[in-house]
Amino acid sequence: MMKKIIHIHCGNNNNNYNYNNDAKKSQDPEIQELEYQMALTYNGLGQHYYSLRDYDRAILSLNKAIEIDDKTPAAYVNRGDCYRCLDDLQRALTDYHKARELDGSNGWINGRLSLIYDELGRRLYNSAHYQAAEVHQSRAIENH
């Protein structure tokens, strides 16, 4: 089974094994653990690419981590960080909100949300959208 999962993740799926239908829905604890480890590996790879400032590759790796295990907030936070660095603040905001939905007890998620709302508020203020800026600045304060 491990060999099939590795082949699928490496793009060498020559057999009839369907990852989405077979592995992801498996109740086998061993398969579930392997999938979790694969997701952690892709998350780690995404962090590595992030450290190299290769945000596009980081996002690809983090997308794969999320595809495998969409219940781990760290992958969403890491992908949100990449989007933030690419100045795609709406996608960053979406990922940070998803991470908070999965684990609302971590203050570091709220800190990132605060940064995004602050930046959006500043941009709105600088473009003379004062009421919208005030809303975003209030959200920044609420999340701080």
N, C-alpha and C. Protein backbone atom coordinates (compact mmCIF):
# COMPACT_ATOMS: atom_id res chain seq x y z
N MET A 1 0.82 -1.18 0.00
CA MET A 1 0.00 0.00 0.00
C MET A 1 0.87 1.25 0.00
N MET A 2 1.91 1.29 0.82
CA MET A 2 2.80 2.46 0.88
C MET A 2 3.38 2.73 -0.49
N LYS A 3 3.78 1.69 -1.20
CA LYS A 3 4.35 1.85 -2.52
C LYS A 3 3.35 2.51 -3.47
N LYS A 4 2.09 2.11 -3.39
CA LYS A 4 1.06 2.72 -4.24
C LYS A 4 0.89 4.19 -3.91
N ILE A 5 0.87 4.53 -2.63
CA ILE A 5 0.70 5.92 -2.23
C ILE A 5 1.87 6.76 -2.73
N ILE A 6 3.08 6.26 -2.58
CA ILE A 6 4.26 7.00 -3.05
C ILE A 6 4.22 7.17 -4.56
N HIS A 7 3.86 6.12 -5.29
CA HIS A 7 3.76 6.24 -6.75
C HIS A 7 2.73 7.29 -7.15
N ILE A 8 1.63 7.32 -6.46
CA ILE A 8 0.58 8.28 -6.79
C ILE A 8 1.08 9.70 -6.54
N HIS A 9 1.73 9.93 -5.42
CA HIS A 9 2.20 11.27 -5.09
C HIS A 9 3.34 11.71 -5.99
N CYS A 10 4.06 10.77 -6.55
CA CYS A 10 5.16 11.11 -7.46
C CYS A 10 4.70 11.18 -8.91
N GLY A 11 3.43 10.94 -9.16
CA GLY A 11 2.90 11.01 -10.52
C GLY A 11 3.12 9.75 -11.33
N ASN A 12 3.41 8.64 -10.69
CA ASN A 12 3.66 7.39 -11.39
C ASN A 12 2.50 6.42 -11.18
N ASN A 13 1.32 6.86 -11.39
CA ASN A 13 0.15 6.02 -11.13
C ASN A 13 -0.18 5.20 -12.37
N ASN A 14 0.48 4.04 -12.55
CA ASN A 14 0.27 3.21 -13.72
C ASN A 14 -0.80 2.16 -13.50
N ASN A 15 -1.30 2.04 -12.28
CA ASN A 15 -2.27 0.99 -12.01
C ASN A 15 -3.65 1.58 -11.85
N ASN A 16 -4.57 0.78 -11.39
CA ASN A 16 -5.96 1.22 -11.26
C ASN A 16 -6.28 1.76 -9.88
N TYR A 17 -5.29 2.03 -9.08
CA TYR A 17 -5.51 2.52 -7.73
C TYR A 17 -5.94 3.97 -7.80
N ASN A 18 -7.05 4.32 -7.21
CA ASN A 18 -7.56 5.68 -7.23
C ASN A 18 -7.34 6.31 -5.87
N TYR A 19 -6.41 7.24 -5.80
CA TYR A 19 -6.05 7.88 -4.52
C TYR A 19 -7.27 8.52 -3.87
N ASN A 20 -8.00 9.31 -4.62
CA ASN A 20 -9.12 10.04 -4.03
C ASN A 20 -10.20 9.12 -3.49
N ASN A 21 -10.45 8.02 -4.13
CA ASN A 21 -11.52 7.14 -3.69
C ASN A 21 -11.06 6.06 -2.73
N ASP A 22 -9.82 5.61 -2.85
CA ASP A 22 -9.36 4.49 -2.03
C ASP A 22 -8.58 4.93 -0.79
N ALA A 23 -7.51 5.67 -0.97
CA ALA A 23 -6.64 6.01 0.16
C ALA A 23 -7.29 7.03 1.09
N LYS A 24 -7.89 8.06 0.52
CA LYS A 24 -8.39 9.13 1.36
C LYS A 24 -9.55 8.68 2.24
N LYS A 25 -10.30 7.70 1.81
CA LYS A 25 -11.44 7.24 2.58
C LYS A 25 -11.12 5.99 3.39
N SER A 26 -9.88 5.60 3.41
CA SER A 26 -9.48 4.39 4.12
C SER A 26 -9.71 4.54 5.61
N GLN A 27 -10.18 3.48 6.22
CA GLN A 27 -10.34 3.44 7.67
C GLN A 27 -9.16 2.74 8.32
N ASP A 28 -8.24 2.27 7.51
CA ASP A 28 -7.06 1.56 8.00
C ASP A 28 -6.13 2.55 8.71
N PRO A 29 -5.88 2.37 10.00
CA PRO A 29 -5.03 3.32 10.74
C PRO A 29 -3.63 3.48 10.14
N GLU A 30 -3.10 2.41 9.58
CA GLU A 30 -1.76 2.47 8.98
C GLU A 30 -1.78 3.40 7.76
N ILE A 31 -2.80 3.28 6.92
CA ILE A 31 -2.92 4.15 5.75
C ILE A 31 -3.13 5.59 6.19
N GLN A 32 -3.98 5.78 7.18
CA GLN A 32 -4.22 7.13 7.68
C GLN A 32 -2.94 7.77 8.21
N GLU A 33 -2.13 6.99 8.90
CA GLU A 33 -0.85 7.51 9.42
C GLU A 33 0.10 7.85 8.27
N LEU A 34 0.13 6.99 7.24
CA LEU A 34 0.99 7.27 6.08
C LEU A 34 0.55 8.55 5.38
N GLU A 35 -0.75 8.72 5.24
CA GLU A 35 -1.27 9.93 4.61
C GLU A 35 -0.90 11.16 5.43
N TYR A 36 -1.03 11.06 6.74
CA TYR A 36 -0.67 12.16 7.63
C TYR A 36 0.82 12.50 7.47
N GLN A 37 1.66 11.49 7.41
CA GLN A 37 3.11 11.72 7.25
C GLN A 37 3.42 12.35 5.89
N MET A 38 2.69 11.93 4.86
CA MET A 38 2.88 12.53 3.53
C MET A 38 2.49 14.01 3.56
N ALA A 39 1.39 14.31 4.24
CA ALA A 39 0.96 15.71 4.35
C ALA A 39 2.01 16.54 5.10
N LEU A 40 2.55 15.99 6.17
CA LEU A 40 3.60 16.69 6.91
C LEU A 40 4.84 16.91 6.04
N THR A 41 5.16 15.92 5.23
CA THR A 41 6.31 16.04 4.33
C THR A 41 6.10 17.16 3.32
N TYR A 42 4.92 17.21 2.70
CA TYR A 42 4.63 18.28 1.76
C TYR A 42 4.61 19.64 2.46
N ASN A 43 4.09 19.69 3.68
CA ASN A 43 4.11 20.94 4.44
C ASN A 43 5.54 21.38 4.70
N GLY A 44 6.40 20.43 5.09
CA GLY A 44 7.81 20.75 5.31
C GLY A 44 8.50 21.22 4.05
N LEU A 45 8.16 20.60 2.93
CA LEU A 45 8.72 21.02 1.65
C LEU A 45 8.26 22.44 1.32
N GLY A 46 7.00 22.72 1.60
CA GLY A 46 6.49 24.07 1.39
C GLY A 46 7.22 25.09 2.23
N GLN A 47 7.51 24.74 3.49
CA GLN A 47 8.26 25.64 4.36
C GLN A 47 9.68 25.86 3.82
N HIS A 48 10.27 24.81 3.29
CA HIS A 48 11.61 24.93 2.71
C HIS A 48 11.60 25.91 1.53
N TYR A 49 10.65 25.72 0.62
CA TYR A 49 10.56 26.63 -0.53
C TYR A 49 10.27 28.06 -0.07
N TYR A 50 9.44 28.20 0.96
CA TYR A 50 9.16 29.53 1.52
C TYR A 50 10.46 30.18 2.00
N SER A 51 11.29 29.41 2.69
CA SER A 51 12.54 29.97 3.20
C SER A 51 13.48 30.39 2.07
N LEU A 52 13.29 29.79 0.90
CA LEU A 52 14.08 30.17 -0.28
C LEU A 52 13.41 31.29 -1.08
N ARG A 53 12.26 31.75 -0.59
CA ARG A 53 11.45 32.75 -1.26
C ARG A 53 10.91 32.29 -2.61
N ASP A 54 10.78 30.99 -2.75
CA ASP A 54 10.18 30.40 -3.95
C ASP A 54 8.72 30.12 -3.61
N TYR A 55 7.93 31.18 -3.59
CA TYR A 55 6.56 31.10 -3.07
C TYR A 55 5.64 30.25 -3.95
N ASP A 56 5.87 30.29 -5.26
CA ASP A 56 5.02 29.48 -6.14
C ASP A 56 5.19 27.99 -5.88
N ARG A 57 6.43 27.55 -5.75
CA ARG A 57 6.68 26.14 -5.43
C ARG A 57 6.18 25.80 -4.03
N ALA A 58 6.34 26.72 -3.13
CA ALA A 58 5.85 26.50 -1.76
C ALA A 58 4.34 26.29 -1.79
N ILE A 59 3.64 27.11 -2.55
CA ILE A 59 2.18 26.98 -2.65
C ILE A 59 1.80 25.64 -3.26
N LEU A 60 2.51 25.21 -4.28
CA LEU A 60 2.22 23.90 -4.88
C LEU A 60 2.37 22.77 -3.85
N SER A 61 3.43 22.82 -3.08
CA SER A 61 3.65 21.79 -2.05
C SER A 61 2.58 21.87 -0.97
N LEU A 62 2.23 23.06 -0.56
CA LEU A 62 1.22 23.23 0.48
C LEU A 62 -0.17 22.84 -0.01
N ASN A 63 -0.43 23.08 -1.30
CA ASN A 63 -1.70 22.61 -1.88
C ASN A 63 -1.80 21.09 -1.78
N LYS A 64 -0.70 20.43 -2.05
CA LYS A 64 -0.67 18.96 -1.97
C LYS A 64 -0.88 18.51 -0.52
N ALA A 65 -0.24 19.19 0.42
CA ALA A 65 -0.43 18.85 1.84
C ALA A 65 -1.89 18.98 2.24
N ILE A 66 -2.54 20.05 1.77
CA ILE A 66 -3.94 20.29 2.10
C ILE A 66 -4.84 19.27 1.39
N GLU A 67 -4.48 18.92 0.17
CA GLU A 67 -5.25 17.91 -0.56
C GLU A 67 -5.26 16.58 0.20
N ILE A 68 -4.12 16.24 0.78
CA ILE A 68 -3.99 14.97 1.51
C ILE A 68 -4.68 15.06 2.86
N ASP A 69 -4.46 16.16 3.58
CA ASP A 69 -5.02 16.32 4.93
C ASP A 69 -5.50 17.76 5.09
N ASP A 70 -6.77 17.97 4.91
CA ASP A 70 -7.31 19.33 4.96
C ASP A 70 -7.74 19.75 6.36
N LYS A 71 -7.28 19.03 7.36
CA LYS A 71 -7.64 19.34 8.75
C LYS A 71 -6.47 19.87 9.57
N THR A 72 -5.34 20.13 8.94
CA THR A 72 -4.16 20.60 9.65
C THR A 72 -3.98 22.10 9.41
N PRO A 73 -4.17 22.91 10.46
CA PRO A 73 -4.12 24.36 10.27
C PRO A 73 -2.76 24.89 9.81
N ALA A 74 -1.67 24.22 10.16
CA ALA A 74 -0.34 24.73 9.81
C ALA A 74 -0.16 24.90 8.30
N ALA A 75 -0.69 23.98 7.51
CA ALA A 75 -0.55 24.09 6.06
C ALA A 75 -1.28 25.32 5.53
N TYR A 76 -2.45 25.62 6.10
CA TYR A 76 -3.18 26.81 5.68
C TYR A 76 -2.43 28.08 6.09
N VAL A 77 -1.88 28.09 7.29
CA VAL A 77 -1.11 29.25 7.74
C VAL A 77 0.11 29.44 6.84
N ASN A 78 0.81 28.36 6.55
CA ASN A 78 2.01 28.48 5.71
C ASN A 78 1.67 28.96 4.31
N ARG A 79 0.55 28.42 3.75
CA ARG A 79 0.16 28.87 2.42
C ARG A 79 -0.29 30.33 2.47
N GLY A 80 -0.99 30.71 3.54
CA GLY A 80 -1.37 32.12 3.71
C GLY A 80 -0.17 33.03 3.77
N ASP A 81 0.89 32.57 4.43
CA ASP A 81 2.12 33.36 4.48
C ASP A 81 2.70 33.57 3.08
N CYS A 82 2.64 32.53 2.26
CA CYS A 82 3.13 32.66 0.88
C CYS A 82 2.29 33.66 0.10
N TYR A 83 0.98 33.55 0.23
CA TYR A 83 0.11 34.51 -0.45
C TYR A 83 0.37 35.94 0.02
N ARG A 84 0.60 36.09 1.33
CA ARG A 84 0.89 37.42 1.87
C ARG A 84 2.17 37.98 1.22
N CYS A 85 3.18 37.14 1.09
CA CYS A 85 4.44 37.59 0.48
C CYS A 85 4.27 37.92 -1.00
N LEU A 86 3.30 37.27 -1.65
CA LEU A 86 3.01 37.57 -3.05
C LEU A 86 2.00 38.72 -3.19
N ASP A 87 1.63 39.32 -2.07
CA ASP A 87 0.69 40.43 -2.00
C ASP A 87 -0.72 40.03 -2.45
N ASP A 88 -1.06 38.76 -2.29
CA ASP A 88 -2.41 38.28 -2.56
C ASP A 88 -3.12 38.18 -1.21
N LEU A 89 -3.50 39.34 -0.71
CA LEU A 89 -4.00 39.43 0.66
C LEU A 89 -5.35 38.74 0.86
N GLN A 90 -6.18 38.72 -0.17
CA GLN A 90 -7.49 38.05 -0.03
C GLN A 90 -7.31 36.54 0.14
N ARG A 91 -6.41 35.94 -0.62
CA ARG A 91 -6.16 34.50 -0.45
C ARG A 91 -5.50 34.22 0.90
N ALA A 92 -4.61 35.10 1.31
CA ALA A 92 -3.97 34.94 2.63
C ALA A 92 -5.04 34.99 3.71
N LEU A 93 -5.94 35.94 3.60
CA LEU A 93 -7.02 36.09 4.57
C LEU A 93 -7.89 34.83 4.62
N THR A 94 -8.22 34.29 3.46
CA THR A 94 -9.02 33.07 3.39
C THR A 94 -8.32 31.91 4.09
N ASP A 95 -7.03 31.75 3.84
CA ASP A 95 -6.29 30.65 4.46
C ASP A 95 -6.16 30.84 5.97
N TYR A 96 -5.92 32.06 6.42
CA TYR A 96 -5.82 32.30 7.86
C TYR A 96 -7.15 32.05 8.56
N HIS A 97 -8.24 32.43 7.90
CA HIS A 97 -9.55 32.15 8.49
C HIS A 97 -9.81 30.65 8.58
N LYS A 98 -9.41 29.91 7.56
CA LYS A 98 -9.58 28.45 7.58
C LYS A 98 -8.75 27.84 8.71
N ALA A 99 -7.53 28.32 8.87
CA ALA A 99 -6.67 27.82 9.95
C ALA A 99 -7.30 28.10 11.31
N ARG A 100 -7.86 29.29 11.47
CA ARG A 100 -8.50 29.63 12.75
C ARG A 100 -9.75 28.78 12.97
N GLU A 101 -10.47 28.50 11.91
CA GLU A 101 -11.65 27.61 12.00
C GLU A 101 -11.23 26.23 12.51
N LEU A 102 -10.08 25.75 12.06
CA LEU A 102 -9.59 24.43 12.46
C LEU A 102 -8.97 24.45 13.85
N ASP A 103 -8.38 25.57 14.23
CA ASP A 103 -7.73 25.66 15.54
C ASP A 103 -7.75 27.10 16.03
N GLY A 104 -8.85 27.47 16.64
CA GLY A 104 -9.03 28.84 17.09
C GLY A 104 -8.25 29.20 18.34
N SER A 105 -7.56 28.23 18.93
CA SER A 105 -6.85 28.50 20.18
C SER A 105 -5.46 29.08 19.98
N ASN A 106 -4.98 29.12 18.75
CA ASN A 106 -3.63 29.60 18.49
C ASN A 106 -3.61 31.09 18.19
N GLY A 107 -2.98 31.85 19.06
CA GLY A 107 -2.88 33.29 18.89
C GLY A 107 -2.10 33.70 17.66
N TRP A 108 -1.17 32.85 17.21
CA TRP A 108 -0.36 33.23 16.05
C TRP A 108 -1.22 33.32 14.79
N ILE A 109 -2.34 32.64 14.73
CA ILE A 109 -3.25 32.79 13.60
C ILE A 109 -3.91 34.16 13.66
N ASN A 110 -4.37 34.54 14.84
CA ASN A 110 -5.00 35.86 15.00
C ASN A 110 -4.02 36.98 14.69
N GLY A 111 -2.76 36.81 15.05
CA GLY A 111 -1.76 37.82 14.73
C GLY A 111 -1.62 38.03 13.24
N ARG A 112 -1.65 36.95 12.49
CA ARG A 112 -1.56 37.07 11.03
C ARG A 112 -2.81 37.73 10.46
N LEU A 113 -3.98 37.35 10.99
CA LEU A 113 -5.21 38.00 10.55
C LEU A 113 -5.14 39.50 10.81
N SER A 114 -4.63 39.87 11.97
CA SER A 114 -4.50 41.27 12.32
C SER A 114 -3.61 42.01 11.33
N LEU A 115 -2.51 41.40 10.95
CA LEU A 115 -1.60 42.03 9.97
C LEU A 115 -2.29 42.27 8.64
N ILE A 116 -3.05 41.28 8.18
CA ILE A 116 -3.73 41.41 6.88
C ILE A 116 -4.79 42.51 6.95
N TYR A 117 -5.62 42.47 8.00
CA TYR A 117 -6.66 43.50 8.12
C TYR A 117 -6.04 44.90 8.24
N ASP A 118 -4.94 45.01 8.96
CA ASP A 118 -4.26 46.29 9.08
C ASP A 118 -3.80 46.78 7.71
N GLU A 119 -3.17 45.91 6.95
CA GLU A 119 -2.68 46.31 5.62
C GLU A 119 -3.84 46.67 4.69
N LEU A 120 -4.90 45.89 4.71
CA LEU A 120 -6.06 46.21 3.88
C LEU A 120 -6.66 47.55 4.30
N GLY A 121 -6.72 47.80 5.61
CA GLY A 121 -7.24 49.07 6.10
C GLY A 121 -6.39 50.25 5.66
N ARG A 122 -5.08 50.08 5.71
CA ARG A 122 -4.18 51.16 5.26
C ARG A 122 -4.38 51.46 3.78
N ARG A 123 -4.50 50.40 2.99
CA ARG A 123 -4.70 50.61 1.55
C ARG A 123 -6.02 51.31 1.26
N LEU A 124 -7.05 50.91 1.97
CA LEU A 124 -8.35 51.56 1.78
C LEU A 124 -8.30 53.02 2.21
N TYR A 125 -7.64 53.28 3.32
CA TYR A 125 -7.51 54.66 3.80
C TYR A 125 -6.76 55.51 2.78
N ASN A 126 -5.66 54.96 2.24
CA ASN A 126 -4.84 55.71 1.27
C ASN A 126 -5.57 55.95 -0.04
N SER A 127 -6.61 55.16 -0.31
CA SER A 127 -7.40 55.37 -1.53
C SER A 127 -8.72 56.08 -1.21
N ALA A 128 -8.78 56.73 -0.04
CA ALA A 128 -9.90 57.56 0.39
C ALA A 128 -11.20 56.77 0.62
N HIS A 129 -11.10 55.50 0.95
CA HIS A 129 -12.26 54.69 1.33
C HIS A 129 -12.26 54.57 2.86
N TYR A 130 -12.63 55.66 3.49
CA TYR A 130 -12.43 55.79 4.93
C TYR A 130 -13.31 54.87 5.77
N GLN A 131 -14.57 54.70 5.37
CA GLN A 131 -15.45 53.83 6.16
C GLN A 131 -14.99 52.38 6.08
N ALA A 132 -14.64 51.92 4.88
CA ALA A 132 -14.15 50.54 4.73
C ALA A 132 -12.83 50.37 5.46
N ALA A 133 -12.00 51.40 5.44
CA ALA A 133 -10.73 51.35 6.15
C ALA A 133 -10.96 51.19 7.64
N GLU A 134 -11.94 51.93 8.16
CA GLU A 134 -12.25 51.84 9.58
C GLU A 134 -12.71 50.42 9.96
N VAL A 135 -13.51 49.81 9.11
CA VAL A 135 -13.97 48.43 9.37
C VAL A 135 -12.78 47.49 9.44
N HIS A 136 -11.87 47.59 8.48
CA HIS A 136 -10.70 46.70 8.47
C HIS A 136 -9.76 46.98 9.65
N GLN A 137 -9.59 48.23 10.00
CA GLN A 137 -8.73 48.55 11.14
C GLN A 137 -9.34 48.02 12.43
N SER A 138 -10.67 48.09 12.54
CA SER A 138 -11.35 47.52 13.72
C SER A 138 -11.13 46.00 13.79
N ARG A 139 -11.20 45.35 12.65
CA ARG A 139 -10.94 43.90 12.61
C ARG A 139 -9.50 43.58 13.00
N ALA A 140 -8.60 44.44 12.57
CA ALA A 140 -7.19 44.24 12.95
C ALA A 140 -7.04 44.30 14.46
N ILE A 141 -7.70 45.26 15.07
CA ILE A 141 -7.62 45.40 16.54
C ILE A 141 -8.29 44.21 17.22
N GLU A 142 -9.44 43.77 16.71
CA GLU A 142 -10.15 42.62 17.31
C GLU A 142 -9.30 41.35 17.28
N ASN A 143 -8.51 41.19 16.24
CA ASN A 143 -7.71 39.96 16.07
C ASN A 143 -6.35 40.04 16.74
N HIS A 144 -6.00 41.22 17.23
CA HIS A 144 -4.67 41.38 17.83
C HIS A 144 -4.61 40.80 19.21
